[in-house]
Amino acid sequence: MLTSSSRLLRLLSLLQTRRHWSGAELAERLAVNPRTLRRDIDRLRELGYPIHASSGVAGGYAFRAGQALPPLLLDDEEAQAVAIALQTAAAGTVSGVEEGSLRALVKLEQVMPARLRRRLEALRSTILPLESLRPTVDAGALASLALACRDQLRVAFAYRDSRGQDTARTVEPQGLVHTGSRWYLVAWDPAREDWRTFRLDRIEGAPTPGPHFAPRPGPEGGDLRAYVSRSIGVSAYVEQARVVLHKPLAEMARQIPPTAARLEALDDARCVMHSGANHLESLAYWLMALDVEFEVLEPPTLKALLEKANARVARALARSAGGPG
């Protein structure tokens, strides 16, 4: 049985994942009787959380957005995690949240116990983020797309692809994936009858939500991270290549992340790398930097680039061996 405070946190979390819950569903999830559930709902209302109750056959509970934030229910670890996230938000990839993050951090630190404030002061004095050169996304657009994913709403937006072409898209959003440097929207594109990934920093203007759509199974069995890794690692590039690496798959997988290439086993000692690049020159030099024997299967132009680079290296070594003239 969960403690009262833990149960309130669990109840609040459930209420925010769906627009409507029946009382029976909530009571079953929390493993409590309906009377205890009603007491917990009343307690959350006393704390300021706007929870609407309806009766009848379709009755139940729904979380409604309020005018002001009620008190937060956070333990020490959660409060510290939130504070660190707010502190680093200004150096992140979401624009428009810097000032709000600082204000929220000040408010949070004012209600923290002294032991946590000292810990955060130590972190703040030692963590020095570099200025980010990565593309940023608008916080409002990110929130709008997240809501569209959650509520299964079609969304329309203007998009500029990797070739600089402007298009108008209307899609059925499935989810958002953050790679650490970029944000991607995974969505079903009815016009192309296929799944697509969209870089959020290439969406121009505010996305426009539309009508509801019927949910469908996601790509890669619903593993959106795997789908984005595969999409941006190979198929997103103009040039495609297949290369045999003379090391086992498990060993090469530790060196090559899924966002850089897709690997498949050839035998116990070799694997095939499927990779892409906008310019084959960069792929050629990357292959030469890998500490592994390899052979290029395709394209022929990559083989020619490697032969040219090999000849240039050979000439440089010959000149070095000859010494000064």
C-alpha atoms as a PDB file:
ATOM      1  CA  MET A   1       0.000   0.000   0.000  1.00  0.00           C
ATOM      2  CA  LEU A   2       1.371   3.408  -0.922  1.00  0.00           C
ATOM      3  CA  THR A   3       1.762   6.041   1.775  1.00  0.00           C
ATOM      4  CA  SER A   4      -0.684   8.932   1.707  1.00  0.00           C
ATOM      5  CA  SER A   5       1.795  11.442   0.199  1.00  0.00           C
ATOM      6  CA  SER A   6       3.082   8.929  -2.362  1.00  0.00           C
ATOM      7  CA  ARG A   7      -0.471   8.064  -3.309  1.00  0.00           C
ATOM      8  CA  LEU A   8      -1.332  11.745  -3.836  1.00  0.00           C
ATOM      9  CA  LEU A   9       1.647  12.126  -6.149  1.00  0.00           C
ATOM     10  CA  ARG A  10       0.620   9.000  -8.051  1.00  0.00           C
ATOM     11  CA  LEU A  11      -2.981  10.204  -8.310  1.00  0.00           C
ATOM     12  CA  LEU A  12      -1.891  13.627  -9.569  1.00  0.00           C
ATOM     13  CA  SER A  13       0.364  12.011 -12.151  1.00  0.00           C
ATOM     14  CA  LEU A  14      -2.448   9.786 -13.433  1.00  0.00           C
ATOM     15  CA  LEU A  15      -4.894  12.686 -13.677  1.00  0.00           C
ATOM     16  CA  GLN A  16      -2.469  14.586 -15.910  1.00  0.00           C
ATOM     17  CA  THR A  17      -1.877  11.732 -18.361  1.00  0.00           C
ATOM     18  CA  ARG A  18      -5.471  11.600 -19.633  1.00  0.00           C
ATOM     19  CA  ARG A  19      -8.334  14.041 -20.027  1.00  0.00           C
ATOM     20  CA  HIS A  20     -10.807  11.863 -18.131  1.00  0.00           C
ATOM     21  CA  TRP A  21     -10.684   8.976 -15.672  1.00  0.00           C
ATOM     22  CA  SER A  22     -13.533   6.978 -14.215  1.00  0.00           C
ATOM     23  CA  GLY A  23     -13.511   6.597 -10.451  1.00  0.00           C
ATOM     24  CA  ALA A  24     -13.278   2.816 -10.754  1.00  0.00           C
ATOM     25  CA  GLU A  25     -10.195   3.042 -12.988  1.00  0.00           C
ATOM     26  CA  LEU A  26      -8.391   5.376 -10.615  1.00  0.00           C
ATOM     27  CA  ALA A  27      -9.254   3.329  -7.555  1.00  0.00           C
ATOM     28  CA  GLU A  28      -7.986   0.183  -9.285  1.00  0.00           C
ATOM     29  CA  ARG A  29      -4.710   1.854 -10.340  1.00  0.00           C
ATOM     30  CA  LEU A  30      -4.094   3.105  -6.803  1.00  0.00           C
ATOM     31  CA  ALA A  31      -5.306  -0.104  -5.134  1.00  0.00           C
ATOM     32  CA  VAL A  32      -7.700   1.803  -2.847  1.00  0.00           C
ATOM     33  CA  ASN A  33     -11.445   1.791  -2.271  1.00  0.00           C
ATOM     34  CA  PRO A  34     -13.700   4.525  -3.761  1.00  0.00           C
ATOM     35  CA  ARG A  35     -14.052   6.275  -0.397  1.00  0.00           C
ATOM     36  CA  THR A  36     -10.273   6.670  -0.036  1.00  0.00           C
ATOM     37  CA  LEU A  37     -10.085   7.921  -3.614  1.00  0.00           C
ATOM     38  CA  ARG A  38     -12.684  10.628  -2.892  1.00  0.00           C
ATOM     39  CA  ARG A  39     -10.711  11.734   0.187  1.00  0.00           C
ATOM     40  CA  ASP A  40      -7.526  11.956  -1.903  1.00  0.00           C
ATOM     41  CA  ILE A  41      -9.339  13.993  -4.577  1.00  0.00           C
ATOM     42  CA  ASP A  42     -10.611  16.378  -1.890  1.00  0.00           C
ATOM     43  CA  ARG A  43      -7.081  16.691  -0.484  1.00  0.00           C
ATOM     44  CA  LEU A  44      -5.672  17.663  -3.896  1.00  0.00           C
ATOM     45  CA  ARG A  45      -8.438  20.251  -4.275  1.00  0.00           C
ATOM     46  CA  GLU A  46      -7.503  21.718  -0.888  1.00  0.00           C
ATOM     47  CA  LEU A  47      -3.931  22.065  -2.169  1.00  0.00           C
ATOM     48  CA  GLY A  48      -5.203  24.054  -5.140  1.00  0.00           C
ATOM     49  CA  TYR A  49      -5.336  21.470  -7.918  1.00  0.00           C
ATOM     50  CA  PRO A  50      -8.400  22.031 -10.163  1.00  0.00           C
ATOM     51  CA  ILE A  51     -10.036  18.606 -10.414  1.00  0.00           C
ATOM     52  CA  HIS A  52     -13.514  18.405 -11.908  1.00  0.00           C
ATOM     53  CA  ALA A  53     -15.892  15.603 -10.942  1.00  0.00           C
ATOM     54  CA  SER A  54     -18.881  14.465 -12.984  1.00  0.00           C
ATOM     55  CA  SER A  55     -21.600  11.939 -12.168  1.00  0.00           C
ATOM     56  CA  GLY A  56     -23.646   9.529 -14.210  1.00  0.00           C
ATOM     57  CA  VAL A  57     -22.735   6.615 -16.470  1.00  0.00           C
ATOM     58  CA  ALA A  58     -19.833   8.539 -18.062  1.00  0.00           C
ATOM     59  CA  GLY A  59     -18.882  10.237 -14.816  1.00  0.00           C
ATOM     60  CA  GLY A  60     -15.430  10.443 -13.361  1.00  0.00           C
ATOM     61  CA  TYR A  61     -12.596  12.886 -12.713  1.00  0.00           C
ATOM     62  CA  ALA A  62     -10.721  15.309 -14.960  1.00  0.00           C
ATOM     63  CA  PHE A  63      -7.794  17.638 -14.325  1.00  0.00           C
ATOM     64  CA  ARG A  64      -8.534  21.195 -15.427  1.00  0.00           C
ATOM     65  CA  ALA A  65      -5.840  23.833 -15.940  1.00  0.00           C
ATOM     66  CA  GLY A  66      -6.087  26.587 -13.327  1.00  0.00           C
ATOM     67  CA  GLN A  67      -5.184  30.270 -13.141  1.00  0.00           C
ATOM     68  CA  ALA A  68      -2.182  29.764 -10.862  1.00  0.00           C
ATOM     69  CA  LEU A  69       0.149  26.950  -9.888  1.00  0.00           C
ATOM     70  CA  PRO A  70      -0.749  25.193  -6.625  1.00  0.00           C
ATOM     71  CA  PRO A  71       1.935  24.066  -4.165  1.00  0.00           C
ATOM     72  CA  LEU A  72       4.340  21.453  -5.521  1.00  0.00           C
ATOM     73  CA  LEU A  73       4.622  18.058  -3.860  1.00  0.00           C
ATOM     74  CA  LEU A  74       8.328  17.272  -4.225  1.00  0.00           C
ATOM     75  CA  ASP A  75      10.713  15.217  -2.135  1.00  0.00           C
ATOM     76  CA  ASP A  76      14.390  16.195  -1.759  1.00  0.00           C
ATOM     77  CA  GLU A  77      15.607  14.283  -4.824  1.00  0.00           C
ATOM     78  CA  GLU A  78      12.792  15.612  -7.011  1.00  0.00           C
ATOM     79  CA  ALA A  79      13.356  19.212  -5.881  1.00  0.00           C
ATOM     80  CA  GLN A  80      17.071  18.934  -6.608  1.00  0.00           C
ATOM     81  CA  ALA A  81      16.417  17.427 -10.050  1.00  0.00           C
ATOM     82  CA  VAL A  82      14.003  20.231 -10.941  1.00  0.00           C
ATOM     83  CA  ALA A  83      16.450  22.891  -9.749  1.00  0.00           C
ATOM     84  CA  ILE A  84      19.311  21.461 -11.814  1.00  0.00           C
ATOM     85  CA  ALA A  85      17.065  21.254 -14.874  1.00  0.00           C
ATOM     86  CA  LEU A  86      15.987  24.881 -14.445  1.00  0.00           C
ATOM     87  CA  GLN A  87      19.585  25.977 -13.961  1.00  0.00           C
ATOM     88  CA  THR A  88      20.733  24.399 -17.211  1.00  0.00           C
ATOM     89  CA  ALA A  89      17.655  25.343 -19.253  1.00  0.00           C
ATOM     90  CA  ALA A  90      19.187  28.619 -20.455  1.00  0.00           C
ATOM     91  CA  ALA A  91      21.973  26.694 -22.160  1.00  0.00           C
ATOM     92  CA  GLY A  92      19.648  24.119 -23.690  1.00  0.00           C
ATOM     93  CA  THR A  93      17.997  23.767 -27.085  1.00  0.00           C
ATOM     94  CA  VAL A  94      14.639  25.342 -26.193  1.00  0.00           C
ATOM     95  CA  SER A  95      14.460  29.108 -26.672  1.00  0.00           C
ATOM     96  CA  GLY A  96      12.184  31.481 -24.812  1.00  0.00           C
ATOM     97  CA  VAL A  97      12.398  29.738 -21.440  1.00  0.00           C
ATOM     98  CA  GLU A  98      15.573  31.339 -20.057  1.00  0.00           C
ATOM     99  CA  GLU A  99      13.975  34.135 -18.013  1.00  0.00           C
ATOM    100  CA  GLY A 100      11.110  31.966 -16.813  1.00  0.00           C
ATOM    101  CA  SER A 101      13.583  29.266 -15.733  1.00  0.00           C
ATOM    102  CA  LEU A 102      15.541  31.747 -13.634  1.00  0.00           C
ATOM    103  CA  ARG A 103      12.395  33.109 -11.972  1.00  0.00           C
ATOM    104  CA  ALA A 104      11.175  29.595 -11.202  1.00  0.00           C
ATOM    105  CA  LEU A 105      14.586  28.641  -9.809  1.00  0.00           C
ATOM    106  CA  VAL A 106      14.573  31.612  -7.426  1.00  0.00           C
ATOM    107  CA  LYS A 107      11.099  30.698  -6.164  1.00  0.00           C
ATOM    108  CA  LEU A 108      12.067  27.053  -5.730  1.00  0.00           C
ATOM    109  CA  GLU A 109      15.251  27.854  -3.811  1.00  0.00           C
ATOM    110  CA  GLN A 110      13.313  30.108  -1.421  1.00  0.00           C
ATOM    111  CA  VAL A 111      11.310  27.158  -0.121  1.00  0.00           C
ATOM    112  CA  MET A 112      14.179  24.650  -0.098  1.00  0.00           C
ATOM    113  CA  PRO A 113      15.754  23.504   3.156  1.00  0.00           C
ATOM    114  CA  ALA A 114      19.242  24.872   3.835  1.00  0.00           C
ATOM    115  CA  ARG A 115      20.958  21.544   3.088  1.00  0.00           C
ATOM    116  CA  LEU A 116      19.590  21.520  -0.473  1.00  0.00           C
ATOM    117  CA  ARG A 117      20.373  25.194  -1.075  1.00  0.00           C
ATOM    118  CA  ARG A 118      24.017  24.621  -0.142  1.00  0.00           C
ATOM    119  CA  ARG A 119      24.206  21.661  -2.508  1.00  0.00           C
ATOM    120  CA  LEU A 120      22.751  23.681  -5.387  1.00  0.00           C
ATOM    121  CA  GLU A 121      25.066  26.604  -4.692  1.00  0.00           C
ATOM    122  CA  ALA A 122      28.018  24.223  -5.029  1.00  0.00           C
ATOM    123  CA  LEU A 123      26.675  22.870  -8.316  1.00  0.00           C
ATOM    124  CA  ARG A 124      26.019  26.354  -9.675  1.00  0.00           C
ATOM    125  CA  SER A 125      29.552  27.506  -8.907  1.00  0.00           C
ATOM    126  CA  THR A 126      31.186  24.530 -10.634  1.00  0.00           C
ATOM    127  CA  ILE A 127      28.942  23.856 -13.655  1.00  0.00           C
ATOM    128  CA  LEU A 128      29.924  26.285 -16.434  1.00  0.00           C
ATOM    129  CA  PRO A 129      28.076  25.512 -19.685  1.00  0.00           C
ATOM    130  CA  LEU A 130      29.624  26.677 -22.955  1.00  0.00           C
ATOM    131  CA  GLU A 131      27.582  28.851 -25.256  1.00  0.00           C
ATOM    132  CA  SER A 132      25.503  26.530 -27.388  1.00  0.00           C
ATOM    133  CA  LEU A 133      25.921  26.597 -31.167  1.00  0.00           C
ATOM    134  CA  ARG A 134      23.126  24.081 -31.665  1.00  0.00           C
ATOM    135  CA  PRO A 135      19.827  25.059 -33.283  1.00  0.00           C
ATOM    136  CA  THR A 136      17.095  25.999 -30.820  1.00  0.00           C
ATOM    137  CA  VAL A 137      13.351  25.443 -30.925  1.00  0.00           C
ATOM    138  CA  ASP A 138      10.606  27.705 -29.665  1.00  0.00           C
ATOM    139  CA  ALA A 139       9.151  26.660 -26.322  1.00  0.00           C
ATOM    140  CA  GLY A 140       5.608  27.542 -27.426  1.00  0.00           C
ATOM    141  CA  ALA A 141       5.875  25.415 -30.563  1.00  0.00           C
ATOM    142  CA  LEU A 142       7.308  22.544 -28.533  1.00  0.00           C
ATOM    143  CA  ALA A 143       4.404  22.723 -26.068  1.00  0.00           C
ATOM    144  CA  SER A 144       1.815  22.920 -28.868  1.00  0.00           C
ATOM    145  CA  LEU A 145       3.232  19.841 -30.586  1.00  0.00           C
ATOM    146  CA  ALA A 146       3.391  17.933 -27.294  1.00  0.00           C
ATOM    147  CA  LEU A 147      -0.292  18.677 -26.652  1.00  0.00           C
ATOM    148  CA  ALA A 148      -1.191  17.608 -30.196  1.00  0.00           C
ATOM    149  CA  CYS A 149       0.649  14.308 -29.655  1.00  0.00           C
ATOM    150  CA  ARG A 150      -1.095  13.710 -26.326  1.00  0.00           C
ATOM    151  CA  ASP A 151      -4.596  14.655 -27.500  1.00  0.00           C
ATOM    152  CA  GLN A 152      -4.227  13.048 -30.979  1.00  0.00           C
ATOM    153  CA  LEU A 153      -4.855  16.242 -32.937  1.00  0.00           C
ATOM    154  CA  ARG A 154      -3.739  16.770 -36.500  1.00  0.00           C
ATOM    155  CA  VAL A 155      -1.292  19.629 -36.830  1.00  0.00           C
ATOM    156  CA  ALA A 156      -0.337  21.850 -39.778  1.00  0.00           C
ATOM    157  CA  PHE A 157       2.907  23.782 -40.167  1.00  0.00           C
ATOM    158  CA  ALA A 158       5.313  25.285 -42.688  1.00  0.00           C
ATOM    159  CA  TYR A 159       8.498  23.246 -43.032  1.00  0.00           C
ATOM    160  CA  ARG A 160      11.875  23.778 -44.671  1.00  0.00           C
ATOM    161  CA  ASP A 161      13.607  20.480 -45.473  1.00  0.00           C
ATOM    162  CA  SER A 162      17.332  19.676 -45.609  1.00  0.00           C
ATOM    163  CA  ARG A 163      17.513  20.889 -49.212  1.00  0.00           C
ATOM    164  CA  GLY A 164      16.060  24.265 -48.288  1.00  0.00           C
ATOM    165  CA  GLN A 165      12.697  23.606 -49.947  1.00  0.00           C
ATOM    166  CA  ASP A 166       9.595  25.087 -48.290  1.00  0.00           C
ATOM    167  CA  THR A 167       6.549  22.853 -47.944  1.00  0.00           C
ATOM    168  CA  ALA A 168       3.211  22.929 -46.136  1.00  0.00           C
ATOM    169  CA  ARG A 169       2.587  19.821 -44.036  1.00  0.00           C
ATOM    170  CA  THR A 170      -0.461  18.456 -42.247  1.00  0.00           C
ATOM    171  CA  VAL A 171       0.398  15.397 -40.167  1.00  0.00           C
ATOM    172  CA  GLU A 172      -0.796  13.131 -37.367  1.00  0.00           C
ATOM    173  CA  PRO A 173       1.798  13.577 -34.591  1.00  0.00           C
ATOM    174  CA  GLN A 174       2.922  10.503 -32.685  1.00  0.00           C
ATOM    175  CA  GLY A 175       5.641  11.791 -30.356  1.00  0.00           C
ATOM    176  CA  LEU A 176       8.686  13.989 -29.777  1.00  0.00           C
ATOM    177  CA  VAL A 177      12.262  12.707 -29.542  1.00  0.00           C
ATOM    178  CA  HIS A 178      15.252  14.655 -28.221  1.00  0.00           C
ATOM    179  CA  THR A 179      18.660  13.367 -29.332  1.00  0.00           C
ATOM    180  CA  GLY A 180      20.621  15.615 -26.989  1.00  0.00           C
ATOM    181  CA  SER A 181      21.295  18.206 -29.673  1.00  0.00           C
ATOM    182  CA  ARG A 182      18.086  18.360 -31.725  1.00  0.00           C
ATOM    183  CA  TRP A 183      14.335  17.852 -31.324  1.00  0.00           C
ATOM    184  CA  TYR A 184      12.383  15.667 -33.772  1.00  0.00           C
ATOM    185  CA  LEU A 185       8.657  15.182 -34.324  1.00  0.00           C
ATOM    186  CA  VAL A 186       7.583  11.695 -35.428  1.00  0.00           C
ATOM    187  CA  ALA A 187       4.327  11.835 -37.353  1.00  0.00           C
ATOM    188  CA  TRP A 188       2.214  10.013 -39.923  1.00  0.00           C
ATOM    189  CA  ASP A 189       2.063  12.017 -43.163  1.00  0.00           C
ATOM    190  CA  PRO A 190      -1.288  11.252 -44.870  1.00  0.00           C
ATOM    191  CA  ALA A 191      -0.183  12.909 -48.128  1.00  0.00           C
ATOM    192  CA  ARG A 192       2.772  10.526 -48.408  1.00  0.00           C
ATOM    193  CA  GLU A 193       1.095   7.611 -46.622  1.00  0.00           C
ATOM    194  CA  ASP A 194       4.178   6.982 -44.525  1.00  0.00           C
ATOM    195  CA  TRP A 195       5.917   7.902 -41.273  1.00  0.00           C
ATOM    196  CA  ARG A 196       8.167  10.952 -41.290  1.00  0.00           C
ATOM    197  CA  THR A 197      10.541  12.750 -38.927  1.00  0.00           C
ATOM    198  CA  PHE A 198      10.620  16.558 -38.771  1.00  0.00           C
ATOM    199  CA  ARG A 199      13.346  18.651 -37.160  1.00  0.00           C
ATOM    200  CA  LEU A 200      11.583  21.170 -34.937  1.00  0.00           C
ATOM    201  CA  ASP A 201      14.095  23.934 -35.678  1.00  0.00           C
ATOM    202  CA  ARG A 202      13.014  23.716 -39.347  1.00  0.00           C
ATOM    203  CA  ILE A 203       9.343  24.322 -38.542  1.00  0.00           C
ATOM    204  CA  GLU A 204       8.562  27.932 -39.386  1.00  0.00           C
ATOM    205  CA  GLY A 205       5.955  29.816 -37.400  1.00  0.00           C
ATOM    206  CA  ALA A 206       3.472  28.379 -34.947  1.00  0.00           C
ATOM    207  CA  PRO A 207       1.975  24.923 -35.622  1.00  0.00           C
ATOM    208  CA  THR A 208      -1.807  24.989 -36.094  1.00  0.00           C
ATOM    209  CA  PRO A 209      -3.792  22.223 -34.346  1.00  0.00           C
ATOM    210  CA  GLY A 210      -6.654  20.597 -36.240  1.00  0.00           C
ATOM    211  CA  PRO A 211      -9.253  17.852 -35.766  1.00  0.00           C
ATOM    212  CA  HIS A 212      -8.798  14.575 -33.927  1.00  0.00           C
ATOM    213  CA  PHE A 213      -7.391  11.556 -35.746  1.00  0.00           C
ATOM    214  CA  ALA A 214      -7.700   7.843 -35.094  1.00  0.00           C
ATOM    215  CA  PRO A 215      -4.522   6.479 -33.424  1.00  0.00           C
ATOM    216  CA  ARG A 216      -2.409   3.955 -35.310  1.00  0.00           C
ATOM    217  CA  PRO A 217       0.512   1.702 -34.241  1.00  0.00           C
ATOM    218  CA  GLY A 218       3.754   3.654 -34.325  1.00  0.00           C
ATOM    219  CA  PRO A 219       6.843   2.816 -36.394  1.00  0.00           C
ATOM    220  CA  GLU A 220       9.466   0.367 -35.107  1.00  0.00           C
ATOM    221  CA  GLY A 221       6.807  -1.268 -32.922  1.00  0.00           C
ATOM    222  CA  GLY A 222       6.229   2.042 -31.141  1.00  0.00           C
ATOM    223  CA  ASP A 223       9.924   2.618 -30.336  1.00  0.00           C
ATOM    224  CA  LEU A 224      10.148   6.196 -31.596  1.00  0.00           C
ATOM    225  CA  ARG A 225      13.734   6.626 -30.431  1.00  0.00           C
ATOM    226  CA  ALA A 226      14.851   3.676 -32.566  1.00  0.00           C
ATOM    227  CA  TYR A 227      12.923   5.046 -35.534  1.00  0.00           C
ATOM    228  CA  VAL A 228      14.507   8.498 -35.230  1.00  0.00           C
ATOM    229  CA  SER A 229      17.969   6.973 -34.794  1.00  0.00           C
ATOM    230  CA  ARG A 230      17.535   4.981 -37.984  1.00  0.00           C
ATOM    231  CA  SER A 231      16.022   7.895 -39.889  1.00  0.00           C
ATOM    232  CA  ILE A 232      18.663  10.483 -39.056  1.00  0.00           C
ATOM    233  CA  GLY A 233      21.527   8.004 -39.147  1.00  0.00           C
ATOM    234  CA  VAL A 234      21.074   6.839 -42.741  1.00  0.00           C
ATOM    235  CA  SER A 235      17.992   7.715 -44.751  1.00  0.00           C
ATOM    236  CA  ALA A 236      18.025  11.438 -43.989  1.00  0.00           C
ATOM    237  CA  TYR A 237      21.188  11.968 -46.046  1.00  0.00           C
ATOM    238  CA  VAL A 238      21.596  12.509 -49.780  1.00  0.00           C
ATOM    239  CA  GLU A 239      24.462   9.996 -50.148  1.00  0.00           C
ATOM    240  CA  GLN A 240      24.104   6.390 -48.971  1.00  0.00           C
ATOM    241  CA  ALA A 241      26.881   3.853 -48.382  1.00  0.00           C
ATOM    242  CA  ARG A 242      27.377   0.212 -47.387  1.00  0.00           C
ATOM    243  CA  VAL A 243      30.706  -0.782 -45.886  1.00  0.00           C
ATOM    244  CA  VAL A 244      31.958  -4.093 -44.477  1.00  0.00           C
ATOM    245  CA  LEU A 245      33.772  -3.589 -41.164  1.00  0.00           C
ATOM    246  CA  HIS A 246      36.208  -6.346 -40.183  1.00  0.00           C
ATOM    247  CA  LYS A 247      35.217  -6.460 -36.537  1.00  0.00           C
ATOM    248  CA  PRO A 248      32.239  -8.106 -34.764  1.00  0.00           C
ATOM    249  CA  LEU A 249      28.950  -6.240 -34.535  1.00  0.00           C
ATOM    250  CA  ALA A 250      29.056  -5.958 -30.737  1.00  0.00           C
ATOM    251  CA  GLU A 251      32.497  -4.324 -30.808  1.00  0.00           C
ATOM    252  CA  MET A 252      31.617  -1.815 -33.526  1.00  0.00           C
ATOM    253  CA  ALA A 253      28.311  -0.958 -31.842  1.00  0.00           C
ATOM    254  CA  ARG A 254      30.326   0.395 -28.912  1.00  0.00           C
ATOM    255  CA  GLN A 255      32.156   2.790 -31.244  1.00  0.00           C
ATOM    256  CA  ILE A 256      29.413   3.809 -33.670  1.00  0.00           C
ATOM    257  CA  PRO A 257      26.162   5.252 -32.218  1.00  0.00           C
ATOM    258  CA  PRO A 258      22.845   4.409 -33.923  1.00  0.00           C
ATOM    259  CA  THR A 259      22.455   8.075 -34.936  1.00  0.00           C
ATOM    260  CA  ALA A 260      25.619   7.771 -37.070  1.00  0.00           C
ATOM    261  CA  ALA A 261      24.985   4.463 -38.838  1.00  0.00           C
ATOM    262  CA  ARG A 262      22.977   1.251 -38.839  1.00  0.00           C
ATOM    263  CA  LEU A 263      24.929  -1.946 -38.236  1.00  0.00           C
ATOM    264  CA  GLU A 264      24.019  -5.530 -39.084  1.00  0.00           C
ATOM    265  CA  ALA A 265      26.007  -8.712 -38.499  1.00  0.00           C
ATOM    266  CA  LEU A 266      27.632 -10.353 -41.523  1.00  0.00           C
ATOM    267  CA  ASP A 267      29.309 -13.201 -39.637  1.00  0.00           C
ATOM    268  CA  ASP A 268      31.025 -13.701 -36.268  1.00  0.00           C
ATOM    269  CA  ALA A 269      33.977 -11.501 -37.254  1.00  0.00           C
ATOM    270  CA  ARG A 270      32.427  -8.857 -39.522  1.00  0.00           C
ATOM    271  CA  CYS A 271      29.451  -6.538 -39.808  1.00  0.00           C
ATOM    272  CA  VAL A 272      27.941  -4.281 -42.463  1.00  0.00           C
ATOM    273  CA  MET A 273      27.591  -0.575 -41.807  1.00  0.00           C
ATOM    274  CA  HIS A 274      24.812   1.356 -43.527  1.00  0.00           C
ATOM    275  CA  SER A 275      25.637   5.037 -43.316  1.00  0.00           C
ATOM    276  CA  GLY A 276      24.832   8.304 -44.998  1.00  0.00           C
ATOM    277  CA  ALA A 277      26.273  11.742 -45.530  1.00  0.00           C
ATOM    278  CA  ASN A 278      25.465  14.938 -47.346  1.00  0.00           C
ATOM    279  CA  HIS A 279      29.014  14.854 -48.736  1.00  0.00           C
ATOM    280  CA  LEU A 280      30.888  11.593 -49.312  1.00  0.00           C
ATOM    281  CA  GLU A 281      34.217  13.289 -48.554  1.00  0.00           C
ATOM    282  CA  SER A 282      33.295  13.531 -44.879  1.00  0.00           C
ATOM    283  CA  LEU A 283      32.295   9.846 -44.814  1.00  0.00           C
ATOM    284  CA  ALA A 284      35.573   8.852 -46.479  1.00  0.00           C
ATOM    285  CA  TYR A 285      37.699  10.624 -43.866  1.00  0.00           C
ATOM    286  CA  TRP A 286      35.543   9.270 -41.060  1.00  0.00           C
ATOM    287  CA  LEU A 287      36.138   5.717 -42.308  1.00  0.00           C
ATOM    288  CA  MET A 288      39.882   6.325 -42.429  1.00  0.00           C
ATOM    289  CA  ALA A 289      39.779   7.538 -38.831  1.00  0.00           C
ATOM    290  CA  LEU A 290      38.060   4.355 -37.601  1.00  0.00           C
ATOM    291  CA  ASP A 291      40.473   1.816 -36.126  1.00  0.00           C
ATOM    292  CA  VAL A 292      39.184  -1.054 -38.250  1.00  0.00           C
ATOM    293  CA  GLU A 293      39.861  -2.732 -41.598  1.00  0.00           C
ATOM    294  CA  PHE A 294      37.014  -2.202 -44.062  1.00  0.00           C
ATOM    295  CA  GLU A 295      35.870  -2.627 -47.644  1.00  0.00           C
ATOM    296  CA  VAL A 296      33.377  -0.429 -49.465  1.00  0.00           C
ATOM    297  CA  LEU A 297      30.462  -2.199 -51.141  1.00  0.00           C
ATOM    298  CA  GLU A 298      28.816   0.940 -52.495  1.00  0.00           C
ATOM    299  CA  PRO A 299      28.785   3.542 -53.882  1.00  0.00           C
ATOM    300  CA  PRO A 300      31.692   3.456 -56.399  1.00  0.00           C
ATOM    301  CA  THR A 301      32.291   7.178 -55.864  1.00  0.00           C
ATOM    302  CA  LEU A 302      33.215   6.505 -52.227  1.00  0.00           C
ATOM    303  CA  LYS A 303      35.814   3.950 -53.377  1.00  0.00           C
ATOM    304  CA  ALA A 304      37.277   6.533 -55.759  1.00  0.00           C
ATOM    305  CA  LEU A 305      37.496   9.139 -52.981  1.00  0.00           C
ATOM    306  CA  LEU A 306      39.318   6.678 -50.700  1.00  0.00           C
ATOM    307  CA  GLU A 307      41.773   5.767 -53.477  1.00  0.00           C
ATOM    308  CA  LYS A 308      42.464   9.472 -54.074  1.00  0.00           C
ATOM    309  CA  ALA A 309      43.005  10.071 -50.363  1.00  0.00           C
ATOM    310  CA  ASN A 310      45.246   7.007 -50.107  1.00  0.00           C
ATOM    311  CA  ALA A 311      47.412   8.265 -52.992  1.00  0.00           C
ATOM    312  CA  ARG A 312      47.745  11.672 -51.332  1.00  0.00           C
ATOM    313  CA  VAL A 313      48.811  10.086 -48.048  1.00  0.00           C
ATOM    314  CA  ALA A 314      51.333   7.883 -49.866  1.00  0.00           C
ATOM    315  CA  ARG A 315      52.877  10.922 -51.558  1.00  0.00           C
ATOM    316  CA  ALA A 316      53.093  12.750 -48.233  1.00  0.00           C
ATOM    317  CA  LEU A 317      54.834   9.770 -46.610  1.00  0.00           C
ATOM    318  CA  ALA A 318      57.275   9.510 -49.510  1.00  0.00           C
ATOM    319  CA  ARG A 319      58.184  13.191 -49.213  1.00  0.00           C
ATOM    320  CA  SER A 320      58.618  12.822 -45.450  1.00  0.00           C
ATOM    321  CA  ALA A 321      60.891   9.790 -45.896  1.00  0.00           C
ATOM    322  CA  GLY A 322      63.087  11.727 -48.340  1.00  0.00           C
ATOM    323  CA  GLY A 323      63.886  14.367 -45.713  1.00  0.00           C
ATOM    324  CA  PRO A 324      64.720  17.997 -46.418  1.00  0.00           C
ATOM    325  CA  GLY A 325      66.046  18.766 -49.889  1.00  0.00           C
END
